[in-house]
Amino acid sequence: MVYNYTIVLVIYLLQVIQMVIHHHVYILIMLIIYAHIKNRIIISGLYVLVYYTVLIVKIIIIVIIFSIKCQMNYIHLLNVVFMNRELV
């Protein structure tokens, strides 16, 4: 049972990470284009790139921690339900 939960957790985390990365890559590309058009300076584009890369990493870490907490609560509830069913 624990093995199945681990697989579900890994798949769920991968989906969340993929969603976050896809969403933020588009925003990042738009911001870099905007910075180049506005200032026409490569440094501004690099600054935006570094700033948002750090931001994306922070967001991914927060999402992973939150997902694990939610998933662990869900797994705990499932275990309680199955344990009660077995006892009855």
C-alpha atoms as a PDB file:
ATOM      1  CA  MET A   1       0.000   0.000   0.000  1.00  0.00           C
ATOM      2  CA  VAL A   2       2.768   2.452   0.924  1.00  0.00           C
ATOM      3  CA  TYR A   3       4.488   1.759  -2.423  1.00  0.00           C
ATOM      4  CA  ASN A   4       1.307   2.745  -4.336  1.00  0.00           C
ATOM      5  CA  TYR A   5       1.027   5.975  -2.343  1.00  0.00           C
ATOM      6  CA  THR A   6       4.665   6.809  -3.144  1.00  0.00           C
ATOM      7  CA  ILE A   7       4.015   6.404  -6.884  1.00  0.00           C
ATOM      8  CA  VAL A   8       0.898   8.588  -6.665  1.00  0.00           C
ATOM      9  CA  LEU A   9       2.827  11.222  -4.701  1.00  0.00           C
ATOM     10  CA  VAL A  10       5.719  11.294  -7.209  1.00  0.00           C
ATOM     11  CA  ILE A  11       3.357  11.560 -10.208  1.00  0.00           C
ATOM     12  CA  TYR A  12       1.360  14.306  -8.483  1.00  0.00           C
ATOM     13  CA  LEU A  13       4.516  16.298  -7.654  1.00  0.00           C
ATOM     14  CA  LEU A  14       5.813  15.961 -11.225  1.00  0.00           C
ATOM     15  CA  GLN A  15       2.503  17.272 -12.595  1.00  0.00           C
ATOM     16  CA  VAL A  16       2.535  20.243 -10.203  1.00  0.00           C
ATOM     17  CA  ILE A  17       6.177  21.075 -11.054  1.00  0.00           C
ATOM     18  CA  GLN A  18       5.469  20.766 -14.791  1.00  0.00           C
ATOM     19  CA  MET A  19       2.442  23.073 -14.487  1.00  0.00           C
ATOM     20  CA  VAL A  20       4.369  25.700 -12.505  1.00  0.00           C
ATOM     21  CA  ILE A  21       7.370  25.623 -14.865  1.00  0.00           C
ATOM     22  CA  HIS A  22       5.217  25.910 -18.009  1.00  0.00           C
ATOM     23  CA  HIS A  23       3.223  28.793 -16.548  1.00  0.00           C
ATOM     24  CA  HIS A  24       6.273  30.762 -15.448  1.00  0.00           C
ATOM     25  CA  VAL A  25       8.362  30.118 -18.570  1.00  0.00           C
ATOM     26  CA  TYR A  26       5.772  32.028 -20.629  1.00  0.00           C
ATOM     27  CA  ILE A  27       5.772  34.933 -18.132  1.00  0.00           C
ATOM     28  CA  LEU A  28       9.594  34.915 -18.110  1.00  0.00           C
ATOM     29  CA  ILE A  29       9.814  35.032 -21.921  1.00  0.00           C
ATOM     30  CA  MET A  30       7.314  37.920 -22.066  1.00  0.00           C
ATOM     31  CA  LEU A  31       9.218  39.867 -19.391  1.00  0.00           C
ATOM     32  CA  ILE A  32      12.560  39.411 -21.185  1.00  0.00           C
ATOM     33  CA  ILE A  33      11.022  40.582 -24.481  1.00  0.00           C
ATOM     34  CA  TYR A  34       9.467  43.562 -22.675  1.00  0.00           C
ATOM     35  CA  ALA A  35      12.796  44.457 -21.018  1.00  0.00           C
ATOM     36  CA  HIS A  36      14.624  44.314 -24.373  1.00  0.00           C
ATOM     37  CA  ILE A  37      12.024  46.423 -26.150  1.00  0.00           C
ATOM     38  CA  LYS A  38      11.879  48.996 -23.350  1.00  0.00           C
ATOM     39  CA  ASN A  39      15.600  49.404 -22.608  1.00  0.00           C
ATOM     40  CA  ARG A  40      17.361  47.632 -25.470  1.00  0.00           C
ATOM     41  CA  ILE A  41      20.033  46.618 -22.985  1.00  0.00           C
ATOM     42  CA  ILE A  42      21.163  42.992 -22.568  1.00  0.00           C
ATOM     43  CA  ILE A  43      21.932  43.560 -18.876  1.00  0.00           C
ATOM     44  CA  SER A  44      18.279  44.316 -18.074  1.00  0.00           C
ATOM     45  CA  GLY A  45      17.225  41.072 -19.753  1.00  0.00           C
ATOM     46  CA  LEU A  46      19.808  39.108 -17.764  1.00  0.00           C
ATOM     47  CA  TYR A  47      18.680  40.788 -14.543  1.00  0.00           C
ATOM     48  CA  VAL A  48      15.055  39.832 -15.243  1.00  0.00           C
ATOM     49  CA  LEU A  49      16.160  36.290 -16.102  1.00  0.00           C
ATOM     50  CA  VAL A  50      18.141  35.839 -12.858  1.00  0.00           C
ATOM     51  CA  TYR A  51      15.461  37.495 -10.696  1.00  0.00           C
ATOM     52  CA  TYR A  52      12.624  35.372 -12.056  1.00  0.00           C
ATOM     53  CA  THR A  53      14.684  32.178 -12.069  1.00  0.00           C
ATOM     54  CA  VAL A  54      15.233  32.633  -8.325  1.00  0.00           C
ATOM     55  CA  LEU A  55      11.543  33.465  -7.875  1.00  0.00           C
ATOM     56  CA  ILE A  56      10.458  30.363  -9.835  1.00  0.00           C
ATOM     57  CA  VAL A  57      12.769  28.127  -7.763  1.00  0.00           C
ATOM     58  CA  LYS A  58      11.272  29.567  -4.541  1.00  0.00           C
ATOM     59  CA  ILE A  59       7.719  29.055  -5.843  1.00  0.00           C
ATOM     60  CA  ILE A  60       8.497  25.461  -6.900  1.00  0.00           C
ATOM     61  CA  ILE A  61       9.946  24.672  -3.444  1.00  0.00           C
ATOM     62  CA  ILE A  62       6.876  26.174  -1.716  1.00  0.00           C
ATOM     63  CA  VAL A  63       4.509  24.270  -4.048  1.00  0.00           C
ATOM     64  CA  ILE A  64       6.360  20.992  -3.436  1.00  0.00           C
ATOM     65  CA  ILE A  65       6.248  21.437   0.354  1.00  0.00           C
ATOM     66  CA  PHE A  66       2.553  22.389   0.228  1.00  0.00           C
ATOM     67  CA  SER A  67       1.770  19.453  -2.106  1.00  0.00           C
ATOM     68  CA  ILE A  68       3.566  16.987   0.161  1.00  0.00           C
ATOM     69  CA  LYS A  69       1.654  18.288   3.205  1.00  0.00           C
ATOM     70  CA  CYS A  70      -1.689  18.040   1.387  1.00  0.00           C
ATOM     71  CA  GLN A  71      -0.844  14.620  -0.029  1.00  0.00           C
ATOM     72  CA  MET A  72       0.294  13.322   3.376  1.00  0.00           C
ATOM     73  CA  ASN A  73      -2.982  14.529   4.951  1.00  0.00           C
ATOM     74  CA  TYR A  74      -4.916  12.791   2.166  1.00  0.00           C
ATOM     75  CA  ILE A  75      -2.908   9.572   2.602  1.00  0.00           C
ATOM     76  CA  HIS A  76      -3.503   9.739   6.366  1.00  0.00           C
ATOM     77  CA  LEU A  77      -7.259  10.101   5.778  1.00  0.00           C
ATOM     78  CA  LEU A  78      -7.214   7.157   3.356  1.00  0.00           C
ATOM     79  CA  ASN A  79      -5.334   5.051   5.899  1.00  0.00           C
ATOM     80  CA  VAL A  80      -7.833   5.956   8.625  1.00  0.00           C
ATOM     81  CA  VAL A  81     -10.753   5.039   6.334  1.00  0.00           C
ATOM     82  CA  PHE A  82      -9.173   1.712   5.312  1.00  0.00           C
ATOM     83  CA  MET A  83      -8.159   0.880   8.882  1.00  0.00           C
ATOM     84  CA  ASN A  84     -11.708   1.543  10.106  1.00  0.00           C
ATOM     85  CA  ARG A  85     -13.116  -0.572   7.283  1.00  0.00           C
ATOM     86  CA  GLU A  86     -10.815  -3.453   8.168  1.00  0.00           C
ATOM     87  CA  LEU A  87     -11.747  -3.190  11.852  1.00  0.00           C
ATOM     88  CA  VAL A  88     -15.469  -3.333  10.997  1.00  0.00           C
END
